[in-house]
Amino acid sequence: MQVGTPLVVQAVLKPGSLSPADLAVELVFGRLVGDELADATVIPMQRVGDSQGEFRYEVAFKAAESGTFVYGVRVRPAHPLLPNPHVLALLKWA
């Protein structure tokens, strides 16, 4: 990955009985400091396709500076009545 060059991240979900409206799919990235993620940034991923019970998501982002970065895809509930959509038991990471 080079500074200013887009990195495209894709994810394919098999959510079973859940609909895309039930889920938020996000790219989480930041600088790696020791073994910890620092300055985390969250970018919502966009659904770009559906096929036989699978949903495909994608996002492109550019690093603004050089260094050691880490990233992951996070899937969480997206229901408006949830008091906290970041309950650890409901999050999935890839």
C-alpha atoms as a PDB file:
ATOM      1  CA  MET A   1       0.000   0.000   0.000  1.00  0.00           C
ATOM      2  CA  GLN A   2       1.326   3.419  -0.945  1.00  0.00           C
ATOM      3  CA  VAL A   3       0.384   6.820   0.430  1.00  0.00           C
ATOM      4  CA  GLY A   4      -2.387   8.279  -1.715  1.00  0.00           C
ATOM      5  CA  THR A   5      -3.100   5.027  -3.576  1.00  0.00           C
ATOM      6  CA  PRO A   6      -6.547   3.572  -2.841  1.00  0.00           C
ATOM      7  CA  LEU A   7      -6.775   0.203  -1.131  1.00  0.00           C
ATOM      8  CA  VAL A   8     -10.016  -1.643  -1.941  1.00  0.00           C
ATOM      9  CA  VAL A   9     -11.344  -3.872   0.839  1.00  0.00           C
ATOM     10  CA  GLN A  10     -14.151  -6.348   0.164  1.00  0.00           C
ATOM     11  CA  ALA A  11     -16.230  -8.554   2.449  1.00  0.00           C
ATOM     12  CA  VAL A  12     -18.775 -11.261   1.687  1.00  0.00           C
ATOM     13  CA  LEU A  13     -21.401 -11.968   4.361  1.00  0.00           C
ATOM     14  CA  LYS A  14     -23.675 -14.962   4.733  1.00  0.00           C
ATOM     15  CA  PRO A  15     -26.122 -13.494   7.265  1.00  0.00           C
ATOM     16  CA  GLY A  16     -28.692 -16.275   7.322  1.00  0.00           C
ATOM     17  CA  SER A  17     -32.099 -14.814   8.153  1.00  0.00           C
ATOM     18  CA  LEU A  18     -30.772 -11.262   8.702  1.00  0.00           C
ATOM     19  CA  SER A  19     -31.345  -8.613   6.056  1.00  0.00           C
ATOM     20  CA  PRO A  20     -28.805  -5.950   5.020  1.00  0.00           C
ATOM     21  CA  ALA A  21     -30.845  -3.415   7.008  1.00  0.00           C
ATOM     22  CA  ASP A  22     -30.078  -5.400  10.172  1.00  0.00           C
ATOM     23  CA  LEU A  23     -26.302  -5.021   9.782  1.00  0.00           C
ATOM     24  CA  ALA A  24     -23.629  -2.340   9.656  1.00  0.00           C
ATOM     25  CA  VAL A  25     -20.463  -3.424   7.871  1.00  0.00           C
ATOM     26  CA  GLU A  26     -17.463  -1.201   8.596  1.00  0.00           C
ATOM     27  CA  LEU A  27     -13.771  -0.936   7.851  1.00  0.00           C
ATOM     28  CA  VAL A  28     -11.816  -0.096  11.003  1.00  0.00           C
ATOM     29  CA  PHE A  29      -8.208   0.991  10.559  1.00  0.00           C
ATOM     30  CA  GLY A  30      -5.517   2.879  12.377  1.00  0.00           C
ATOM     31  CA  ARG A  31      -1.869   3.095  13.260  1.00  0.00           C
ATOM     32  CA  LEU A  32      -0.231   0.134  14.997  1.00  0.00           C
ATOM     33  CA  VAL A  33       1.531   1.278  18.167  1.00  0.00           C
ATOM     34  CA  GLY A  34       3.194  -1.686  19.865  1.00  0.00           C
ATOM     35  CA  ASP A  35       0.479  -4.322  19.775  1.00  0.00           C
ATOM     36  CA  GLU A  36      -2.389  -1.827  19.971  1.00  0.00           C
ATOM     37  CA  LEU A  37      -4.582  -0.051  17.439  1.00  0.00           C
ATOM     38  CA  ALA A  38      -4.270   3.709  17.874  1.00  0.00           C
ATOM     39  CA  ASP A  39      -6.308   6.502  16.300  1.00  0.00           C
ATOM     40  CA  ALA A  40      -8.974   4.136  14.961  1.00  0.00           C
ATOM     41  CA  THR A  41     -11.001   5.358  12.007  1.00  0.00           C
ATOM     42  CA  VAL A  42     -14.298   3.733  11.014  1.00  0.00           C
ATOM     43  CA  ILE A  43     -15.563   3.848   7.422  1.00  0.00           C
ATOM     44  CA  PRO A  44     -18.951   2.327   6.526  1.00  0.00           C
ATOM     45  CA  MET A  45     -18.721  -0.233   3.733  1.00  0.00           C
ATOM     46  CA  GLN A  46     -21.247  -0.142   0.886  1.00  0.00           C
ATOM     47  CA  ARG A  47     -23.243  -3.135  -0.288  1.00  0.00           C
ATOM     48  CA  VAL A  48     -22.280  -3.697  -3.917  1.00  0.00           C
ATOM     49  CA  GLY A  49     -23.962  -7.016  -4.687  1.00  0.00           C
ATOM     50  CA  ASP A  50     -26.199  -9.866  -3.570  1.00  0.00           C
ATOM     51  CA  SER A  51     -26.087 -13.485  -4.676  1.00  0.00           C
ATOM     52  CA  GLN A  52     -27.757 -16.616  -3.288  1.00  0.00           C
ATOM     53  CA  GLY A  53     -27.970 -15.499   0.335  1.00  0.00           C
ATOM     54  CA  GLU A  54     -24.641 -13.635   0.308  1.00  0.00           C
ATOM     55  CA  PHE A  55     -24.116  -9.890   0.493  1.00  0.00           C
ATOM     56  CA  ARG A  56     -20.941  -8.328  -0.897  1.00  0.00           C
ATOM     57  CA  TYR A  57     -19.584  -5.086   0.599  1.00  0.00           C
ATOM     58  CA  GLU A  58     -16.747  -2.856  -0.524  1.00  0.00           C
ATOM     59  CA  VAL A  59     -14.883   0.303   0.421  1.00  0.00           C
ATOM     60  CA  ALA A  60     -11.782   2.061  -0.895  1.00  0.00           C
ATOM     61  CA  PHE A  61      -9.568   4.205   1.291  1.00  0.00           C
ATOM     62  CA  LYS A  62      -6.243   5.989   1.021  1.00  0.00           C
ATOM     63  CA  ALA A  63      -3.548   6.256   3.646  1.00  0.00           C
ATOM     64  CA  ALA A  64      -2.738   9.908   4.233  1.00  0.00           C
ATOM     65  CA  GLU A  65       0.711   9.138   5.639  1.00  0.00           C
ATOM     66  CA  SER A  66       3.260   6.345   5.756  1.00  0.00           C
ATOM     67  CA  GLY A  67       3.749   3.993   8.678  1.00  0.00           C
ATOM     68  CA  THR A  68       2.482   0.735  10.068  1.00  0.00           C
ATOM     69  CA  PHE A  69      -1.283   0.431   9.861  1.00  0.00           C
ATOM     70  CA  VAL A  70      -3.725  -2.360  10.627  1.00  0.00           C
ATOM     71  CA  TYR A  71      -7.278  -2.815   9.482  1.00  0.00           C
ATOM     72  CA  GLY A  72     -10.204  -5.161   9.895  1.00  0.00           C
ATOM     73  CA  VAL A  73     -13.801  -5.538   8.826  1.00  0.00           C
ATOM     74  CA  ARG A  74     -16.376  -5.256  11.606  1.00  0.00           C
ATOM     75  CA  VAL A  75     -20.001  -6.382  11.342  1.00  0.00           C
ATOM     76  CA  ARG A  76     -22.409  -5.174  14.001  1.00  0.00           C
ATOM     77  CA  PRO A  77     -26.171  -4.876  14.502  1.00  0.00           C
ATOM     78  CA  ALA A  78     -27.793  -1.784  13.004  1.00  0.00           C
ATOM     79  CA  HIS A  79     -31.213  -1.648  14.605  1.00  0.00           C
ATOM     80  CA  PRO A  80     -32.231   1.872  15.718  1.00  0.00           C
ATOM     81  CA  LEU A  81     -33.725   0.616  18.999  1.00  0.00           C
ATOM     82  CA  LEU A  82     -30.515  -1.021  20.232  1.00  0.00           C
ATOM     83  CA  PRO A  83     -29.200   0.964  23.192  1.00  0.00           C
ATOM     84  CA  ASN A  84     -25.593   0.022  22.305  1.00  0.00           C
ATOM     85  CA  PRO A  85     -24.801  -1.467  18.867  1.00  0.00           C
ATOM     86  CA  HIS A  86     -21.212  -2.213  19.977  1.00  0.00           C
ATOM     87  CA  VAL A  87     -21.988  -5.015  22.444  1.00  0.00           C
ATOM     88  CA  LEU A  88     -18.993  -7.329  22.125  1.00  0.00           C
ATOM     89  CA  ALA A  89     -21.062 -10.502  21.962  1.00  0.00           C
ATOM     90  CA  LEU A  90     -22.791  -9.198  18.820  1.00  0.00           C
ATOM     91  CA  LEU A  91     -19.696  -7.965  16.928  1.00  0.00           C
ATOM     92  CA  LYS A  92     -17.930 -10.088  14.336  1.00  0.00           C
ATOM     93  CA  TRP A  93     -14.460  -9.292  12.988  1.00  0.00           C
ATOM     94  CA  ALA A  94     -12.522 -10.384   9.913  1.00  0.00           C
END
